[in-house]
PDB file of all heavy atoms in Angstrom:
ATOM      1  N   THR A   1       0.800  -1.211  -0.003  1.00  0.00           N
ATOM      2  CA  THR A   1      -0.006   0.006  -0.007  1.00  0.00           C
ATOM      3  C   THR A   1       0.846   1.261  -0.004  1.00  0.00           C
ATOM      4  O   THR A   1       0.290   2.387  -0.054  1.00  0.00           O
ATOM      5  CB  THR A   1      -0.945  -0.005   1.231  1.00  0.00           C
ATOM      6  OG1 THR A   1      -0.184  -0.209   2.412  1.00  0.00           O
ATOM      7  CG2 THR A   1      -1.992  -1.101   1.090  1.00  0.00           C
ATOM      8  N   THR A   2       2.142   1.128   0.098  1.00  0.00           N
ATOM      9  CA  THR A   2       3.069   2.267  -0.013  1.00  0.00           C
ATOM     10  C   THR A   2       4.213   1.863  -0.919  1.00  0.00           C
ATOM     11  O   THR A   2       4.461   0.665  -1.113  1.00  0.00           O
ATOM     12  CB  THR A   2       3.611   2.680   1.362  1.00  0.00           C
ATOM     13  OG1 THR A   2       4.449   1.621   1.866  1.00  0.00           O
ATOM     14  CG2 THR A   2       2.515   2.971   2.361  1.00  0.00           C
ATOM     15  N   PRO A   3       4.951   2.814  -1.468  1.00  0.00           N
ATOM     16  CA  PRO A   3       6.125   2.461  -2.304  1.00  0.00           C
ATOM     17  C   PRO A   3       7.309   1.978  -1.486  1.00  0.00           C
ATOM     18  O   PRO A   3       8.423   2.520  -1.581  1.00  0.00           O
ATOM     19  CB  PRO A   3       6.398   3.760  -3.047  1.00  0.00           C
ATOM     20  CG  PRO A   3       5.934   4.838  -2.160  1.00  0.00           C
ATOM     21  CD  PRO A   3       4.721   4.282  -1.464  1.00  0.00           C
ATOM     22  N   GLN A   4       7.080   0.947  -0.709  1.00  0.00           N
ATOM     23  CA  GLN A   4       8.157   0.357   0.093  1.00  0.00           C
ATOM     24  C   GLN A   4       7.827  -1.110   0.357  1.00  0.00           C
ATOM     25  O   GLN A   4       6.759  -1.399   0.875  1.00  0.00           O
ATOM     26  CB  GLN A   4       8.362   1.102   1.411  1.00  0.00           C
ATOM     27  CG  GLN A   4       9.435   0.508   2.297  1.00  0.00           C
ATOM     28  CD  GLN A   4       9.679   1.338   3.535  1.00  0.00           C
ATOM     29  OE1 GLN A   4      10.173   2.442   3.464  1.00  0.00           O
ATOM     30  NE2 GLN A   4       9.323   0.809   4.680  1.00  0.00           N
ATOM     31  N   PHE A   5       8.765  -1.996   0.010  1.00  0.00           N
ATOM     32  CA  PHE A   5       8.643  -3.398   0.398  1.00  0.00           C
ATOM     33  C   PHE A   5       9.297  -3.584   1.759  1.00  0.00           C
ATOM     34  O   PHE A   5       9.695  -2.626   2.435  1.00  0.00           O
ATOM     35  CB  PHE A   5       9.337  -4.286  -0.645  1.00  0.00           C
ATOM     36  CG  PHE A   5       8.613  -4.379  -1.953  1.00  0.00           C
ATOM     37  CD1 PHE A   5       9.250  -4.058  -3.146  1.00  0.00           C
ATOM     38  CD2 PHE A   5       7.297  -4.800  -1.980  1.00  0.00           C
ATOM     39  CE1 PHE A   5       8.587  -4.144  -4.356  1.00  0.00           C
ATOM     40  CE2 PHE A   5       6.615  -4.891  -3.196  1.00  0.00           C
ATOM     41  CZ  PHE A   5       7.255  -4.578  -4.404  1.00  0.00           C
ATOM     42  N   TYR A   6       9.390  -4.844   2.174  1.00  0.00           N
ATOM     43  CA  TYR A   6      10.162  -5.126   3.351  1.00  0.00           C
ATOM     44  C   TYR A   6      11.594  -5.445   2.963  1.00  0.00           C
ATOM     45  O   TYR A   6      11.899  -5.568   1.784  1.00  0.00           O
ATOM     46  CB  TYR A   6       9.537  -6.288   4.144  1.00  0.00           C
ATOM     47  CG  TYR A   6       9.794  -7.683   3.599  1.00  0.00           C
ATOM     48  CD1 TYR A   6      10.553  -8.593   4.338  1.00  0.00           C
ATOM     49  CD2 TYR A   6       9.262  -8.082   2.388  1.00  0.00           C
ATOM     50  CE1 TYR A   6      10.753  -9.880   3.834  1.00  0.00           C
ATOM     51  CE2 TYR A   6       9.487  -9.367   1.913  1.00  0.00           C
ATOM     52  CZ  TYR A   6      10.253 -10.256   2.641  1.00  0.00           C
ATOM     53  OH  TYR A   6      10.467 -11.522   2.177  1.00  0.00           O
ATOM     54  N   SER A   7      12.463  -5.561   3.959  1.00  0.00           N
ATOM     55  CA  SER A   7      13.863  -5.837   3.633  1.00  0.00           C
ATOM     56  C   SER A   7      14.544  -6.466   4.843  1.00  0.00           C
ATOM     57  O   SER A   7      13.964  -6.532   5.922  1.00  0.00           O
ATOM     58  CB  SER A   7      14.612  -4.548   3.266  1.00  0.00           C
ATOM     59  OG  SER A   7      14.871  -3.763   4.427  1.00  0.00           O
ATOM     60  N   ALA A   8      15.794  -6.911   4.624  1.00  0.00           N
ATOM     61  CA  ALA A   8      16.569  -7.480   5.719  1.00  0.00           C
ATOM     62  C   ALA A   8      16.918  -6.445   6.775  1.00  0.00           C
ATOM     63  O   ALA A   8      17.221  -6.778   7.908  1.00  0.00           O
ATOM     64  CB  ALA A   8      17.843  -8.101   5.178  1.00  0.00           C
ATOM     65  N   SER A   9      16.862  -5.187   6.404  1.00  0.00           N
ATOM     66  CA  SER A   9      17.274  -4.107   7.303  1.00  0.00           C
ATOM     67  C   SER A   9      16.143  -3.525   8.127  1.00  0.00           C
ATOM     68  O   SER A   9      16.361  -2.959   9.180  1.00  0.00           O
ATOM     69  CB  SER A   9      17.916  -2.966   6.506  1.00  0.00           C
ATOM     70  OG  SER A   9      16.973  -2.360   5.671  1.00  0.00           O
ATOM     71  N   PHE A  10      14.902  -3.660   7.630  1.00  0.00           N
ATOM     72  CA  PHE A  10      13.767  -2.943   8.206  1.00  0.00           C
ATOM     73  C   PHE A  10      13.106  -3.758   9.320  1.00  0.00           C
ATOM     74  O   PHE A  10      12.608  -4.866   9.064  1.00  0.00           O
ATOM     75  CB  PHE A  10      12.761  -2.612   7.121  1.00  0.00           C
ATOM     76  CG  PHE A  10      11.568  -1.821   7.604  1.00  0.00           C
ATOM     77  CD1 PHE A  10      11.754  -0.580   8.199  1.00  0.00           C
ATOM     78  CD2 PHE A  10      10.307  -2.314   7.490  1.00  0.00           C
ATOM     79  CE1 PHE A  10      10.649   0.170   8.660  1.00  0.00           C
ATOM     80  CE2 PHE A  10       9.195  -1.604   7.918  1.00  0.00           C
ATOM     81  CZ  PHE A  10       9.369  -0.360   8.516  1.00  0.00           C
ATOM     82  N   LEU A  11      13.102  -3.236  10.513  1.00  0.00           N
ATOM     83  CA  LEU A  11      12.529  -3.932  11.691  1.00  0.00           C
ATOM     84  C   LEU A  11      11.251  -3.321  12.169  1.00  0.00           C
ATOM     85  O   LEU A  11      10.648  -3.804  13.154  1.00  0.00           O
ATOM     86  CB  LEU A  11      13.558  -3.979  12.798  1.00  0.00           C
ATOM     87  CG  LEU A  11      14.922  -4.632  12.498  1.00  0.00           C
ATOM     88  CD1 LEU A  11      15.806  -4.596  13.721  1.00  0.00           C
ATOM     89  CD2 LEU A  11      14.705  -6.071  12.001  1.00  0.00           C
ATOM     90  N   GLY A  12      10.771  -2.286  11.505  1.00  0.00           N
ATOM     91  CA  GLY A  12       9.562  -1.616  11.945  1.00  0.00           C
ATOM     92  C   GLY A  12       8.353  -2.519  11.974  1.00  0.00           C
ATOM     93  O   GLY A  12       7.536  -2.502  12.933  1.00  0.00           O
ATOM     94  N   ASP A  13       8.198  -3.354  10.928  1.00  0.00           N
ATOM     95  CA  ASP A  13       6.995  -4.192  10.864  1.00  0.00           C
ATOM     96  C   ASP A  13       6.998  -5.272  11.922  1.00  0.00           C
ATOM     97  O   ASP A  13       5.960  -5.521  12.558  1.00  0.00           O
ATOM     98  CB  ASP A  13       6.919  -4.827   9.467  1.00  0.00           C
ATOM     99  CG  ASP A  13       6.493  -3.806   8.409  1.00  0.00           C
ATOM    100  OD1 ASP A  13       6.106  -2.700   8.760  1.00  0.00           O
ATOM    101  OD2 ASP A  13       6.567  -4.176   7.206  1.00  0.00           O
ATOM    102  N   ILE A  14       8.138  -5.932  12.147  1.00  0.00           N
ATOM    103  CA  ILE A  14       8.146  -6.972  13.174  1.00  0.00           C
ATOM    104  C   ILE A  14       7.922  -6.383  14.582  1.00  0.00           C
ATOM    105  O   ILE A  14       7.232  -6.997  15.404  1.00  0.00           O
ATOM    106  CB  ILE A  14       9.445  -7.832  13.141  1.00  0.00           C
ATOM    107  CG1 ILE A  14       9.331  -9.000  14.115  1.00  0.00           C
ATOM    108  CG2 ILE A  14      10.681  -6.977  13.422  1.00  0.00           C
ATOM    109  CD1 ILE A  14      10.494  -9.970  14.069  1.00  0.00           C
ATOM    110  N   CYS A  15       8.426  -5.175  14.792  1.00  0.00           N
ATOM    111  CA  CYS A  15       8.166  -4.506  16.083  1.00  0.00           C
ATOM    112  C   CYS A  15       6.655  -4.306  16.272  1.00  0.00           C
ATOM    113  O   CYS A  15       6.099  -4.564  17.355  1.00  0.00           O
ATOM    114  CB  CYS A  15       8.871  -3.178  16.156  1.00  0.00           C
ATOM    115  SG  CYS A  15      10.670  -3.298  16.305  1.00  0.00           S
ATOM    116  N   GLU A  16       5.992  -3.835  15.220  1.00  0.00           N
ATOM    117  CA  GLU A  16       4.560  -3.568  15.320  1.00  0.00           C
ATOM    118  C   GLU A  16       3.755  -4.862  15.469  1.00  0.00           C
ATOM    119  O   GLU A  16       2.754  -4.908  16.188  1.00  0.00           O
ATOM    120  CB  GLU A  16       4.093  -2.772  14.129  1.00  0.00           C
ATOM    121  CG  GLU A  16       4.630  -1.340  14.096  1.00  0.00           C
ATOM    122  CD  GLU A  16       3.889  -0.435  13.130  1.00  0.00           C
ATOM    123  OE1 GLU A  16       2.653  -0.444  13.146  1.00  0.00           O
ATOM    124  OE2 GLU A  16       4.554   0.251  12.351  1.00  0.00           O
ATOM    125  N   VAL A  17       4.183  -5.922  14.761  1.00  0.00           N
ATOM    126  CA  VAL A  17       3.467  -7.189  14.868  1.00  0.00           C
ATOM    127  C   VAL A  17       3.581  -7.774  16.280  1.00  0.00           C
ATOM    128  O   VAL A  17       2.606  -8.221  16.847  1.00  0.00           O
ATOM    129  CB  VAL A  17       4.006  -8.188  13.809  1.00  0.00           C
ATOM    130  CG1 VAL A  17       3.494  -9.591  14.094  1.00  0.00           C
ATOM    131  CG2 VAL A  17       3.598  -7.758  12.408  1.00  0.00           C
ATOM    132  N   VAL A  18       4.785  -7.754  16.825  1.00  0.00           N
ATOM    133  CA  VAL A  18       4.989  -8.283  18.192  1.00  0.00           C
ATOM    134  C   VAL A  18       4.146  -7.487  19.183  1.00  0.00           C
ATOM    135  O   VAL A  18       3.482  -8.050  20.071  1.00  0.00           O
ATOM    136  CB  VAL A  18       6.459  -8.288  18.578  1.00  0.00           C
ATOM    137  CG1 VAL A  18       6.630  -8.632  20.064  1.00  0.00           C
ATOM    138  CG2 VAL A  18       7.223  -9.282  17.721  1.00  0.00           C
ATOM    139  N   ASP A  19       4.170  -6.155  19.047  1.00  0.00           N
ATOM    140  CA  ASP A  19       3.358  -5.321  19.947  1.00  0.00           C
ATOM    141  C   ASP A  19       1.869  -5.581  19.793  1.00  0.00           C
ATOM    142  O   ASP A  19       1.110  -5.623  20.749  1.00  0.00           O
ATOM    143  CB  ASP A  19       3.640  -3.847  19.702  1.00  0.00           C
ATOM    144  CG  ASP A  19       5.029  -3.425  20.216  1.00  0.00           C
ATOM    145  OD1 ASP A  19       5.618  -4.169  20.986  1.00  0.00           O
ATOM    146  OD2 ASP A  19       5.500  -2.336  19.794  1.00  0.00           O
ATOM    147  N   HIS A  20       1.452  -5.786  18.548  1.00  0.00           N
ATOM    148  CA  HIS A  20       0.028  -6.012  18.264  1.00  0.00           C
ATOM    149  C   HIS A  20      -0.476  -7.313  18.854  1.00  0.00           C
ATOM    150  O   HIS A  20      -1.501  -7.344  19.564  1.00  0.00           O
ATOM    151  CB  HIS A  20      -0.205  -6.002  16.742  1.00  0.00           C
ATOM    152  CG  HIS A  20      -1.599  -6.336  16.345  1.00  0.00           C
ATOM    153  ND1 HIS A  20      -2.647  -5.461  16.508  1.00  0.00           N
ATOM    154  CD2 HIS A  20      -2.121  -7.470  15.773  1.00  0.00           C
ATOM    155  CE1 HIS A  20      -3.773  -6.008  16.062  1.00  0.00           C
ATOM    156  NE2 HIS A  20      -3.454  -7.221  15.609  1.00  0.00           N
ATOM    157  N   VAL A  21       0.225  -8.415  18.572  1.00  0.00           N
ATOM    158  CA  VAL A  21      -0.246  -9.712  19.091  1.00  0.00           C
ATOM    159  C   VAL A  21      -0.055  -9.773  20.625  1.00  0.00           C
ATOM    160  O   VAL A  21      -0.880 -10.394  21.315  1.00  0.00           O
ATOM    161  CB  VAL A  21       0.438 -10.877  18.383  1.00  0.00           C
ATOM    162  CG1 VAL A  21       0.163 -10.834  16.883  1.00  0.00           C
ATOM    163  CG2 VAL A  21       1.929 -10.912  18.637  1.00  0.00           C
ATOM    164  N   GLY A  22       0.979  -9.138  21.123  1.00  0.00           N
ATOM    165  CA  GLY A  22       1.152  -9.105  22.573  1.00  0.00           C
ATOM    166  C   GLY A  22       0.066  -8.310  23.257  1.00  0.00           C
ATOM    167  O   GLY A  22      -0.373  -8.660  24.364  1.00  0.00           O
ATOM    168  N   GLY A  23      -0.385  -7.228  22.616  1.00  0.00           N
ATOM    169  CA  GLY A  23      -1.484  -6.467  23.175  1.00  0.00           C
ATOM    170  C   GLY A  23      -2.809  -7.197  23.126  1.00  0.00           C
ATOM    171  O   GLY A  23      -3.659  -7.036  24.013  1.00  0.00           O
ATOM    172  N   ARG A  24      -2.970  -8.019  22.106  1.00  0.00           N
ATOM    173  CA  ARG A  24      -4.224  -8.778  22.022  1.00  0.00           C
ATOM    174  C   ARG A  24      -4.250  -9.923  23.014  1.00  0.00           C
ATOM    175  O   ARG A  24      -5.341 -10.255  23.524  1.00  0.00           O
ATOM    176  CB  ARG A  24      -4.345  -9.358  20.589  1.00  0.00           C
ATOM    177  CG  ARG A  24      -5.538 -10.271  20.408  1.00  0.00           C
ATOM    178  CD  ARG A  24      -5.733 -10.691  18.972  1.00  0.00           C
ATOM    179  NE  ARG A  24      -6.177  -9.543  18.174  1.00  0.00           N
ATOM    180  CZ  ARG A  24      -6.532  -9.675  16.892  1.00  0.00           C
ATOM    181  NH1 ARG A  24      -6.430 -10.820  16.273  1.00  0.00           N
ATOM    182  NH2 ARG A  24      -6.938  -8.609  16.223  1.00  0.00           N
ATOM    183  N   TYR A  25      -3.123 -10.536  23.309  1.00  0.00           N
ATOM    184  CA  TYR A  25      -3.067 -11.644  24.254  1.00  0.00           C
ATOM    185  C   TYR A  25      -2.029 -11.318  25.362  1.00  0.00           C
ATOM    186  O   TYR A  25      -0.951 -11.900  25.388  1.00  0.00           O
ATOM    187  CB  TYR A  25      -2.698 -12.945  23.529  1.00  0.00           C
ATOM    188  CG  TYR A  25      -3.701 -13.334  22.468  1.00  0.00           C
ATOM    189  CD1 TYR A  25      -3.466 -13.076  21.131  1.00  0.00           C
ATOM    190  CD2 TYR A  25      -4.901 -13.931  22.828  1.00  0.00           C
ATOM    191  CE1 TYR A  25      -4.385 -13.434  20.148  1.00  0.00           C
ATOM    192  CE2 TYR A  25      -5.856 -14.287  21.864  1.00  0.00           C
ATOM    193  CZ  TYR A  25      -5.581 -14.016  20.551  1.00  0.00           C
ATOM    194  OH  TYR A  25      -6.509 -14.369  19.568  1.00  0.00           O
ATOM    195  N   PRO A  26      -2.388 -10.419  26.224  1.00  0.00           N
ATOM    196  CA  PRO A  26      -1.421  -9.945  27.238  1.00  0.00           C
ATOM    197  C   PRO A  26      -1.009 -11.008  28.246  1.00  0.00           C
ATOM    198  O   PRO A  26       0.028 -10.863  28.898  1.00  0.00           O
ATOM    199  CB  PRO A  26      -2.147  -8.775  27.923  1.00  0.00           C
ATOM    200  CG  PRO A  26      -3.571  -9.036  27.671  1.00  0.00           C
ATOM    201  CD  PRO A  26      -3.675  -9.678  26.329  1.00  0.00           C
ATOM    202  N   GLU A  27      -1.787 -12.055  28.391  1.00  0.00           N
ATOM    203  CA  GLU A  27      -1.471 -13.120  29.351  1.00  0.00           C
ATOM    204  C   GLU A  27      -0.542 -14.176  28.751  1.00  0.00           C
ATOM    205  O   GLU A  27      -0.073 -15.066  29.478  1.00  0.00           O
ATOM    206  CB  GLU A  27      -2.767 -13.771  29.864  1.00  0.00           C
ATOM    207  CG  GLU A  27      -3.726 -12.858  30.595  1.00  0.00           C
ATOM    208  CD  GLU A  27      -4.991 -13.592  31.004  1.00  0.00           C
ATOM    209  OE1 GLU A  27      -4.869 -14.707  31.551  1.00  0.00           O
ATOM    210  OE2 GLU A  27      -6.092 -13.077  30.739  1.00  0.00           O
ATOM    211  N   ALA A  28      -0.321 -14.120  27.470  1.00  0.00           N
ATOM    212  CA  ALA A  28       0.455 -15.169  26.804  1.00  0.00           C
ATOM    213  C   ALA A  28       1.925 -14.799  26.722  1.00  0.00           C
ATOM    214  O   ALA A  28       2.283 -13.642  26.539  1.00  0.00           O
ATOM    215  CB  ALA A  28      -0.092 -15.397  25.381  1.00  0.00           C
ATOM    216  N   ASN A  29       2.775 -15.827  26.804  1.00  0.00           N
ATOM    217  CA  ASN A  29       4.211 -15.655  26.498  1.00  0.00           C
ATOM    218  C   ASN A  29       4.351 -15.742  24.992  1.00  0.00           C
ATOM    219  O   ASN A  29       3.771 -16.594  24.317  1.00  0.00           O
ATOM    220  CB  ASN A  29       5.034 -16.741  27.172  1.00  0.00           C
ATOM    221  CG  ASN A  29       5.003 -16.613  28.678  1.00  0.00           C
ATOM    222  OD1 ASN A  29       5.089 -15.521  29.235  1.00  0.00           O
ATOM    223  ND2 ASN A  29       4.848 -17.754  29.364  1.00  0.00           N
ATOM    224  N   LEU A  30       5.184 -14.872  24.426  1.00  0.00           N
ATOM    225  CA  LEU A  30       5.345 -14.755  22.975  1.00  0.00           C
ATOM    226  C   LEU A  30       6.682 -15.404  22.538  1.00  0.00           C
ATOM    227  O   LEU A  30       7.698 -15.232  23.213  1.00  0.00           O
ATOM    228  CB  LEU A  30       5.367 -13.300  22.524  1.00  0.00           C
ATOM    229  CG  LEU A  30       4.166 -12.437  22.960  1.00  0.00           C
ATOM    230  CD1 LEU A  30       4.324 -11.022  22.395  1.00  0.00           C
ATOM    231  CD2 LEU A  30       2.841 -13.042  22.540  1.00  0.00           C
ATOM    232  N   TYR A  31       6.631 -16.141  21.430  1.00  0.00           N
ATOM    233  CA  TYR A  31       7.798 -16.764  20.857  1.00  0.00           C
ATOM    234  C   TYR A  31       7.783 -16.564  19.356  1.00  0.00           C
ATOM    235  O   TYR A  31       6.761 -16.151  18.793  1.00  0.00           O
ATOM    236  CB  TYR A  31       7.794 -18.293  21.183  1.00  0.00           C
ATOM    237  CG  TYR A  31       7.785 -18.603  22.643  1.00  0.00           C
ATOM    238  CD1 TYR A  31       6.569 -18.645  23.339  1.00  0.00           C
ATOM    239  CD2 TYR A  31       8.934 -18.884  23.351  1.00  0.00           C
ATOM    240  CE1 TYR A  31       6.528 -18.931  24.700  1.00  0.00           C
ATOM    241  CE2 TYR A  31       8.926 -19.190  24.694  1.00  0.00           C
ATOM    242  CZ  TYR A  31       7.708 -19.213  25.375  1.00  0.00           C
ATOM    243  OH  TYR A  31       7.660 -19.471  26.728  1.00  0.00           O
ATOM    244  N   ALA A  32       8.888 -16.819  18.680  1.00  0.00           N
ATOM    245  CA  ALA A  32       8.924 -16.644  17.233  1.00  0.00           C
ATOM    246  C   ALA A  32       9.876 -17.657  16.607  1.00  0.00           C
ATOM    247  O   ALA A  32      10.898 -18.062  17.202  1.00  0.00           O
ATOM    248  CB  ALA A  32       9.333 -15.243  16.845  1.00  0.00           C
ATOM    249  N   VAL A  33       9.515 -18.083  15.385  1.00  0.00           N
ATOM    250  CA  VAL A  33      10.380 -18.939  14.560  1.00  0.00           C
ATOM    251  C   VAL A  33      10.507 -18.270  13.191  1.00  0.00           C
ATOM    252  O   VAL A  33       9.509 -17.865  12.604  1.00  0.00           O
ATOM    253  CB  VAL A  33       9.786 -20.340  14.379  1.00  0.00           C
ATOM    254  CG1 VAL A  33      10.623 -21.177  13.399  1.00  0.00           C
ATOM    255  CG2 VAL A  33       9.690 -21.084  15.710  1.00  0.00           C
ATOM    256  N   GLY A  34      11.739 -18.135  12.724  1.00  0.00           N
ATOM    257  CA  GLY A  34      11.971 -17.529  11.399  1.00  0.00           C
ATOM    258  C   GLY A  34      12.824 -18.438  10.527  1.00  0.00           C
ATOM    259  O   GLY A  34      13.693 -19.167  11.034  1.00  0.00           O
ATOM    260  N   TRP A  35      12.543 -18.384   9.220  1.00  0.00           N
ATOM    261  CA  TRP A  35      13.307 -19.157   8.261  1.00  0.00           C
ATOM    262  C   TRP A  35      14.003 -18.223   7.278  1.00  0.00           C
ATOM    263  O   TRP A  35      13.398 -17.261   6.813  1.00  0.00           O
ATOM    264  CB  TRP A  35      12.394 -20.071   7.447  1.00  0.00           C
ATOM    265  CG  TRP A  35      11.743 -21.193   8.170  1.00  0.00           C
ATOM    266  CD1 TRP A  35      12.179 -22.493   8.283  1.00  0.00           C
ATOM    267  CD2 TRP A  35      10.473 -21.141   8.885  1.00  0.00           C
ATOM    268  NE1 TRP A  35      11.266 -23.241   9.003  1.00  0.00           N
ATOM    269  CE2 TRP A  35      10.245 -22.459   9.406  1.00  0.00           C
ATOM    270  CE3 TRP A  35       9.540 -20.137   9.141  1.00  0.00           C
ATOM    271  CZ2 TRP A  35       9.081 -22.773  10.146  1.00  0.00           C
ATOM    272  CZ3 TRP A  35       8.415 -20.454   9.890  1.00  0.00           C
ATOM    273  CH2 TRP A  35       8.193 -21.738  10.379  1.00  0.00           C
ATOM    274  N   SER A  36      15.226 -18.526   6.921  1.00  0.00           N
ATOM    275  CA  SER A  36      15.974 -17.821   5.898  1.00  0.00           C
ATOM    276  C   SER A  36      15.986 -16.314   6.105  1.00  0.00           C
ATOM    277  O   SER A  36      16.431 -15.870   7.193  1.00  0.00           O
ATOM    278  CB  SER A  36      15.365 -18.189   4.526  1.00  0.00           C
ATOM    279  OG  SER A  36      16.240 -17.867   3.460  1.00  0.00           O
ATOM    280  N   LEU A  37      15.491 -15.482   5.214  1.00  0.00           N
ATOM    281  CA  LEU A  37      15.497 -14.050   5.459  1.00  0.00           C
ATOM    282  C   LEU A  37      14.635 -13.702   6.656  1.00  0.00           C
ATOM    283  O   LEU A  37      14.945 -12.755   7.395  1.00  0.00           O
ATOM    284  CB  LEU A  37      14.994 -13.285   4.228  1.00  0.00           C
ATOM    285  CG  LEU A  37      15.159 -11.776   4.315  1.00  0.00           C
ATOM    286  CD1 LEU A  37      16.628 -11.360   4.280  1.00  0.00           C
ATOM    287  CD2 LEU A  37      14.397 -11.056   3.194  1.00  0.00           C
TER     288      LEU A  37
END
């Protein structure tokens, strides 16, 4: 929706995703698994 893709350098989106899901489930412990990039 904007003239910008994601990249290996950009951490803004993952920060917002972690904050979003953490805010939705505040009682849950959060973990992550990533592959390749």
